[in-house]
PDB file of N, CA and C in Angstrom:
ATOM      1  N   MET A   1     111.098 134.233 131.125  1.00  0.00           N
ATOM      2  CA  MET A   1     111.209 133.699 132.669  1.00  0.00           C
ATOM      3  C   MET A   1     112.095 132.312 132.613  1.00  0.00           C
ATOM      4  N   ASP A   2     112.824 132.232 133.622  1.00  0.00           N
ATOM      5  CA  ASP A   2     113.567 131.019 133.920  1.00  0.00           C
ATOM      6  C   ASP A   2     112.626 129.754 134.610  1.00  0.00           C
ATOM      7  N   GLY A   3     113.169 128.747 134.468  1.00  0.00           N
ATOM      8  CA  GLY A   3     112.345 127.671 134.925  1.00  0.00           C
ATOM      9  C   GLY A   3     112.032 127.679 136.464  1.00  0.00           C
ATOM     10  N   PHE A   4     112.951 128.313 137.204  1.00  0.00           N
ATOM     11  CA  PHE A   4     112.794 128.217 138.612  1.00  0.00           C
ATOM     12  C   PHE A   4     111.534 129.220 139.002  1.00  0.00           C
ATOM     13  N   THR A   5     111.493 130.324 138.439  1.00  0.00           N
ATOM     14  CA  THR A   5     110.386 131.246 138.555  1.00  0.00           C
ATOM     15  C   THR A   5     109.026 130.781 138.077  1.00  0.00           C
ATOM     16  N   CYS A   6     109.035 130.122 137.009  1.00  0.00           N
ATOM     17  CA  CYS A   6     107.668 129.459 136.516  1.00  0.00           C
ATOM     18  C   CYS A   6     107.331 128.348 137.454  1.00  0.00           C
ATOM     19  N   GLY A   7     108.286 127.501 138.135  1.00  0.00           N
ATOM     20  CA  GLY A   7     107.879 126.477 138.937  1.00  0.00           C
ATOM     21  C   GLY A   7     107.327 127.138 140.232  1.00  0.00           C
ATOM     22  N   VAL A   8     107.953 128.050 140.746  1.00  0.00           N
ATOM     23  CA  VAL A   8     107.399 128.931 141.949  1.00  0.00           C
ATOM     24  C   VAL A   8     106.043 129.456 141.819  1.00  0.00           C
ATOM     25  N   ILE A   9     105.726 130.289 140.631  1.00  0.00           N
ATOM     26  CA  ILE A   9     104.475 130.627 140.290  1.00  0.00           C
ATOM     27  C   ILE A   9     103.434 129.350 140.392  1.00  0.00           C
ATOM     28  N   GLY A  10     103.912 128.305 139.672  1.00  0.00           N
ATOM     29  CA  GLY A  10     102.935 127.290 139.586  1.00  0.00           C
ATOM     30  C   GLY A  10     102.520 126.763 140.809  1.00  0.00           C
ATOM     31  N   LEU A  11     103.675 126.518 141.589  1.00  0.00           N
ATOM     32  CA  LEU A  11     103.267 125.850 142.999  1.00  0.00           C
ATOM     33  C   LEU A  11     102.479 126.859 143.814  1.00  0.00           C
ATOM     34  N   ALA A  12     102.692 128.149 143.773  1.00  0.00           N
ATOM     35  CA  ALA A  12     101.955 129.309 144.476  1.00  0.00           C
ATOM     36  C   ALA A  12     100.481 129.129 143.991  1.00  0.00           C
ATOM     37  N   PHE A  13     100.354 128.965 142.778  1.00  0.00           N
ATOM     38  CA  PHE A  13      98.773 128.965 142.334  1.00  0.00           C
ATOM     39  C   PHE A  13      98.210 127.583 142.796  1.00  0.00           C
ATOM     40  N   LEU A  14      99.012 126.491 142.775  1.00  0.00           N
ATOM     41  CA  LEU A  14      98.454 125.277 143.253  1.00  0.00           C
ATOM     42  C   LEU A  14      98.085 125.317 144.712  1.00  0.00           C
ATOM     43  N   GLY A  15      99.145 125.678 145.588  1.00  0.00           N
ATOM     44  CA  GLY A  15      98.879 125.939 146.955  1.00  0.00           C
ATOM     45  C   GLY A  15      97.711 126.800 147.312  1.00  0.00           C
ATOM     46  N   GLY A  16      97.611 127.930 146.749  1.00  0.00           N
ATOM     47  CA  GLY A  16      96.560 128.995 146.919  1.00  0.00           C
ATOM     48  C   GLY A  16      95.338 128.437 146.669  1.00  0.00           C
ATOM     49  N   SER A  17      95.049 127.448 145.608  1.00  0.00           N
ATOM     50  CA  SER A  17      93.812 127.118 145.259  1.00  0.00           C
ATOM     51  C   SER A  17      93.390 125.853 146.418  1.00  0.00           C
ATOM     52  N   TYR A  18      94.376 125.174 146.829  1.00  0.00           N
ATOM     53  CA  TYR A  18      93.905 124.101 147.811  1.00  0.00           C
ATOM     54  C   TYR A  18      93.680 124.942 149.182  1.00  0.00           C
ATOM     55  N   MET A  19      94.432 125.995 149.397  1.00  0.00           N
ATOM     56  CA  MET A  19      94.245 126.984 150.767  1.00  0.00           C
ATOM     57  C   MET A  19      92.798 127.408 150.646  1.00  0.00           C
ATOM     58  N   ALA A  20      92.525 128.079 149.528  1.00  0.00           N
ATOM     59  CA  ALA A  20      91.254 128.640 149.221  1.00  0.00           C
ATOM     60  C   ALA A  20      89.934 127.503 149.434  1.00  0.00           C
ATOM     61  N   GLU A  21      90.280 126.380 148.905  1.00  0.00           N
ATOM     62  CA  GLU A  21      89.268 125.517 148.894  1.00  0.00           C
ATOM     63  C   GLU A  21      89.083 125.044 150.470  1.00  0.00           C
ATOM     64  N   ALA A  22      90.135 124.921 151.302  1.00  0.00           N
ATOM     65  CA  ALA A  22      89.946 124.569 152.801  1.00  0.00           C
ATOM     66  C   ALA A  22      89.258 125.687 153.410  1.00  0.00           C
ATOM     67  N   ILE A  23      89.490 126.918 153.187  1.00  0.00           N
ATOM     68  CA  ILE A  23      88.809 127.922 153.769  1.00  0.00           C
ATOM     69  C   ILE A  23      87.198 127.944 153.302  1.00  0.00           C
ATOM     70  N   ARG A  24      87.108 127.650 152.116  1.00  0.00           N
ATOM     71  CA  ARG A  24      85.725 127.763 151.584  1.00  0.00           C
ATOM     72  C   ARG A  24      85.035 126.682 152.204  1.00  0.00           C
ATOM     73  N   GLY A  25      85.546 125.456 152.533  1.00  0.00           N
ATOM     74  CA  GLY A  25      84.860 124.390 152.976  1.00  0.00           C
ATOM     75  C   GLY A  25      84.464 124.623 154.419  1.00  0.00           C
ATOM     76  N   GLY A  26      85.333 125.423 155.225  1.00  0.00           N
ATOM     77  CA  GLY A  26      85.132 125.731 156.663  1.00  0.00           C
ATOM     78  C   GLY A  26      84.101 126.746 156.632  1.00  0.00           C
ATOM     79  N   LEU A  27      83.902 127.595 155.918  1.00  0.00           N
ATOM     80  CA  LEU A  27      82.918 128.652 155.873  1.00  0.00           C
ATOM     81  C   LEU A  27      81.610 128.128 155.568  1.00  0.00           C
ATOM     82  N   GLU A  28      81.741 127.182 154.528  1.00  0.00           N
ATOM     83  CA  GLU A  28      80.323 126.562 154.184  1.00  0.00           C
ATOM     84  C   GLU A  28      79.880 125.497 155.345  1.00  0.00           C
ATOM     85  N   ALA A  29      80.806 124.949 155.974  1.00  0.00           N
ATOM     86  CA  ALA A  29      80.339 123.845 157.227  1.00  0.00           C
ATOM     87  C   ALA A  29      79.531 124.735 158.270  1.00  0.00           C
ATOM     88  N   VAL A  30      79.514 126.028 158.345  1.00  0.00           N
ATOM     89  CA  VAL A  30      78.747 126.519 159.405  1.00  0.00           C
ATOM     90  C   VAL A  30      77.363 126.711 158.872  1.00  0.00           C
ATOM     91  N   SER A  31      76.445 126.247 159.594  1.00  0.00           N
ATOM     92  CA  SER A  31      75.058 126.079 159.186  1.00  0.00           C
ATOM     93  C   SER A  31      74.329 127.456 159.007  1.00  0.00           C
ATOM     94  N   ARG A  32      73.398 127.482 158.217  1.00  0.00           N
ATOM     95  CA  ARG A  32      72.697 128.805 157.854  1.00  0.00           C
ATOM     96  C   ARG A  32      71.878 129.142 159.205  1.00  0.00           C
ATOM     97  N   GLY A  33      71.523 128.311 160.130  1.00  0.00           N
ATOM     98  CA  GLY A  33      70.823 128.418 161.117  1.00  0.00           C
ATOM     99  C   GLY A  33      71.690 129.392 162.241  1.00  0.00           C
ATOM    100  N   GLN A  34      72.950 129.219 162.127  1.00  0.00           N
ATOM    101  CA  GLN A  34      73.894 129.917 163.215  1.00  0.00           C
ATOM    102  C   GLN A  34      73.975 131.272 162.668  1.00  0.00           C
ATOM    103  N   VAL A  35      73.901 131.472 161.332  1.00  0.00           N
ATOM    104  CA  VAL A  35      74.160 132.948 160.891  1.00  0.00           C
ATOM    105  C   VAL A  35      72.651 133.621 160.978  1.00  0.00           C
ATOM    106  N   GLU A  36      71.573 132.843 160.802  1.00  0.00           N
ATOM    107  CA  GLU A  36      70.373 133.625 161.101  1.00  0.00           C
ATOM    108  C   GLU A  36      70.020 133.840 162.410  1.00  0.00           C
ATOM    109  N   SER A  37      70.617 132.926 163.434  1.00  0.00           N
ATOM    110  CA  SER A  37      70.411 133.190 164.932  1.00  0.00           C
ATOM    111  C   SER A  37      71.216 134.562 165.186  1.00  0.00           C
ATOM    112  N   ALA A  38      72.603 134.573 164.744  1.00  0.00           N
ATOM    113  CA  ALA A  38      73.228 135.780 165.037  1.00  0.00           C
ATOM    114  C   ALA A  38      72.686 136.762 164.750  1.00  0.00           C
ATOM    115  N   LEU A  39      72.107 137.106 163.608  1.00  0.00           N
ATOM    116  CA  LEU A  39      71.431 138.165 162.891  1.00  0.00           C
ATOM    117  C   LEU A  39      70.318 138.490 163.591  1.00  0.00           C
ATOM    118  N   SER A  40      69.529 137.534 164.037  1.00  0.00           N
ATOM    119  CA  SER A  40      68.282 137.731 164.779  1.00  0.00           C
ATOM    120  C   SER A  40      68.417 138.399 166.177  1.00  0.00           C
ATOM    121  N   ILE A  41      69.503 138.117 166.876  1.00  0.00           N
ATOM    122  CA  ILE A  41      69.658 138.764 168.178  1.00  0.00           C
ATOM    123  C   ILE A  41      70.267 140.266 168.052  1.00  0.00           C
ATOM    124  N   GLY A  42      70.515 140.630 166.751  1.00  0.00           N
ATOM    125  CA  GLY A  42      70.786 142.089 166.624  1.00  0.00           C
ATOM    126  C   GLY A  42      72.246 142.337 166.292  1.00  0.00           C
ATOM    127  N   LEU A  43      73.029 141.254 165.987  1.00  0.00           N
ATOM    128  CA  LEU A  43      74.304 141.364 165.504  1.00  0.00           C
ATOM    129  C   LEU A  43      74.337 141.965 163.979  1.00  0.00           C
ATOM    130  N   THR A  44      75.423 142.927 163.724  1.00  0.00           N
ATOM    131  CA  THR A  44      75.575 143.332 162.350  1.00  0.00           C
ATOM    132  C   THR A  44      76.205 142.239 161.666  1.00  0.00           C
ATOM    133  N   PRO A  45      75.973 142.226 160.272  1.00  0.00           N
ATOM    134  CA  PRO A  45      76.795 141.073 159.585  1.00  0.00           C
ATOM    135  C   PRO A  45      78.224 140.950 159.826  1.00  0.00           C
ATOM    136  N   TRP A  46      78.974 141.899 160.048  1.00  0.00           N
ATOM    137  CA  TRP A  46      80.404 141.977 160.303  1.00  0.00           C
ATOM    138  C   TRP A  46      80.546 141.272 161.910  1.00  0.00           C
ATOM    139  N   GLN A  47      79.735 141.664 162.753  1.00  0.00           N
ATOM    140  CA  GLN A  47      79.801 141.019 164.100  1.00  0.00           C
ATOM    141  C   GLN A  47      79.428 139.500 164.060  1.00  0.00           C
ATOM    142  N   ALA A  48      78.450 139.126 163.233  1.00  0.00           N
ATOM    143  CA  ALA A  48      78.054 137.708 163.156  1.00  0.00           C
ATOM    144  C   ALA A  48      79.276 136.983 162.525  1.00  0.00           C
ATOM    145  N   PHE A  49      80.094 137.566 161.627  1.00  0.00           N
ATOM    146  CA  PHE A  49      81.099 136.751 161.015  1.00  0.00           C
ATOM    147  C   PHE A  49      82.147 136.661 162.245  1.00  0.00           C
ATOM    148  N   ARG A  50      82.484 137.781 162.826  1.00  0.00           N
ATOM    149  CA  ARG A  50      83.575 137.814 163.813  1.00  0.00           C
ATOM    150  C   ARG A  50      83.408 136.923 165.059  1.00  0.00           C
ATOM    151  N   TYR A  51      82.163 136.862 165.458  1.00  0.00           N
ATOM    152  CA  TYR A  51      81.934 136.202 166.718  1.00  0.00           C
ATOM    153  C   TYR A  51      81.282 134.870 166.576  1.00  0.00           C
ATOM    154  N   VAL A  52      80.575 134.510 165.431  1.00  0.00           N
ATOM    155  CA  VAL A  52      79.771 133.342 165.313  1.00  0.00           C
ATOM    156  C   VAL A  52      80.487 132.465 164.082  1.00  0.00           C
ATOM    157  N   ILE A  53      80.459 133.135 162.945  1.00  0.00           N
ATOM    158  CA  ILE A  53      81.033 132.254 161.865  1.00  0.00           C
ATOM    159  C   ILE A  53      82.413 131.952 161.733  1.00  0.00           C
ATOM    160  N   PHE A  54      83.142 133.067 161.995  1.00  0.00           N
ATOM    161  CA  PHE A  54      84.692 132.932 161.823  1.00  0.00           C
ATOM    162  C   PHE A  54      85.244 131.813 162.856  1.00  0.00           C
ATOM    163  N   PRO A  55      84.831 131.760 164.198  1.00  0.00           N
ATOM    164  CA  PRO A  55      85.402 130.860 165.085  1.00  0.00           C
ATOM    165  C   PRO A  55      85.088 129.369 164.738  1.00  0.00           C
ATOM    166  N   GLN A  56      83.716 129.237 164.389  1.00  0.00           N
ATOM    167  CA  GLN A  56      83.384 127.792 163.884  1.00  0.00           C
ATOM    168  C   GLN A  56      84.168 127.479 162.636  1.00  0.00           C
ATOM    169  N   ALA A  57      84.189 128.333 161.646  1.00  0.00           N
ATOM    170  CA  ALA A  57      84.697 128.027 160.368  1.00  0.00           C
ATOM    171  C   ALA A  57      86.300 127.740 160.552  1.00  0.00           C
ATOM    172  N   PHE A  58      87.045 128.443 161.539  1.00  0.00           N
ATOM    173  CA  PHE A  58      88.417 128.168 161.847  1.00  0.00           C
ATOM    174  C   PHE A  58      88.710 126.988 162.349  1.00  0.00           C
ATOM    175  N   ALA A  59      87.649 126.501 163.322  1.00  0.00           N
ATOM    176  CA  ALA A  59      88.036 125.265 163.974  1.00  0.00           C
ATOM    177  C   ALA A  59      87.844 124.035 162.974  1.00  0.00           C
ATOM    178  N   ILE A  60      86.672 124.271 162.004  1.00  0.00           N
ATOM    179  CA  ILE A  60      86.482 123.139 161.128  1.00  0.00           C
ATOM    180  C   ILE A  60      87.882 123.152 160.061  1.00  0.00           C
ATOM    181  N   ALA A  61      88.174 124.436 159.426  1.00  0.00           N
ATOM    182  CA  ALA A  61      89.207 124.334 158.570  1.00  0.00           C
ATOM    183  C   ALA A  61      90.737 124.145 159.003  1.00  0.00           C
ATOM    184  N   THR A  62      90.914 124.333 160.276  1.00  0.00           N
ATOM    185  CA  THR A  62      92.343 124.123 160.815  1.00  0.00           C
ATOM    186  C   THR A  62      93.097 122.858 160.321  1.00  0.00           C
ATOM    187  N   PRO A  63      92.366 121.695 160.431  1.00  0.00           N
ATOM    188  CA  PRO A  63      93.146 120.472 159.935  1.00  0.00           C
ATOM    189  C   PRO A  63      93.567 120.489 158.440  1.00  0.00           C
ATOM    190  N   ALA A  64      92.578 120.981 157.627  1.00  0.00           N
ATOM    191  CA  ALA A  64      92.900 120.927 156.192  1.00  0.00           C
ATOM    192  C   ALA A  64      94.022 122.101 155.937  1.00  0.00           C
ATOM    193  N   ILE A  65      93.914 123.321 156.588  1.00  0.00           N
ATOM    194  CA  ILE A  65      94.995 124.186 156.384  1.00  0.00           C
ATOM    195  C   ILE A  65      96.201 123.820 157.042  1.00  0.00           C
ATOM    196  N   GLY A  66      96.354 122.947 157.983  1.00  0.00           N
ATOM    197  CA  GLY A  66      97.638 122.340 158.597  1.00  0.00           C
ATOM    198  C   GLY A  66      98.068 121.328 157.375  1.00  0.00           C
ATOM    199  N   ALA A  67      97.441 120.412 156.939  1.00  0.00           N
ATOM    200  CA  ALA A  67      97.672 119.675 155.885  1.00  0.00           C
ATOM    201  C   ALA A  67      98.238 120.296 154.697  1.00  0.00           C
ATOM    202  N   ASN A  68      97.580 121.389 154.198  1.00  0.00           N
ATOM    203  CA  ASN A  68      98.095 122.150 153.096  1.00  0.00           C
ATOM    204  C   ASN A  68      99.427 122.826 153.308  1.00  0.00           C
ATOM    205  N   CYS A  69      99.861 123.195 154.674  1.00  0.00           N
ATOM    206  CA  CYS A  69     101.098 123.722 154.876  1.00  0.00           C
ATOM    207  C   CYS A  69     102.087 122.743 154.869  1.00  0.00           C
ATOM    208  N   LEU A  70     101.846 121.345 155.252  1.00  0.00           N
ATOM    209  CA  LEU A  70     102.675 120.463 155.118  1.00  0.00           C
ATOM    210  C   LEU A  70     102.802 119.801 153.647  1.00  0.00           C
ATOM    211  N   PHE A  71     102.120 120.165 152.900  1.00  0.00           N
ATOM    212  CA  PHE A  71     102.194 119.842 151.267  1.00  0.00           C
ATOM    213  C   PHE A  71     103.321 120.534 150.722  1.00  0.00           C
TER     214      PHE A  71
END
């Protein structure tokens, strides 16, 4: 492989790891009580993720994702 290809692959792995960490941080910031409440009112796990977990996690992770895009 030439140097440019190696550089692109390396930067892709670096950026991907930072992006994954931002998303993981957003998902972990949603309290367990929110998840349990969503499941207790009869939502399926997918509905709980779609309507409760994801909107909160997205709002929390958006600044970190934006900063990663500028990186």
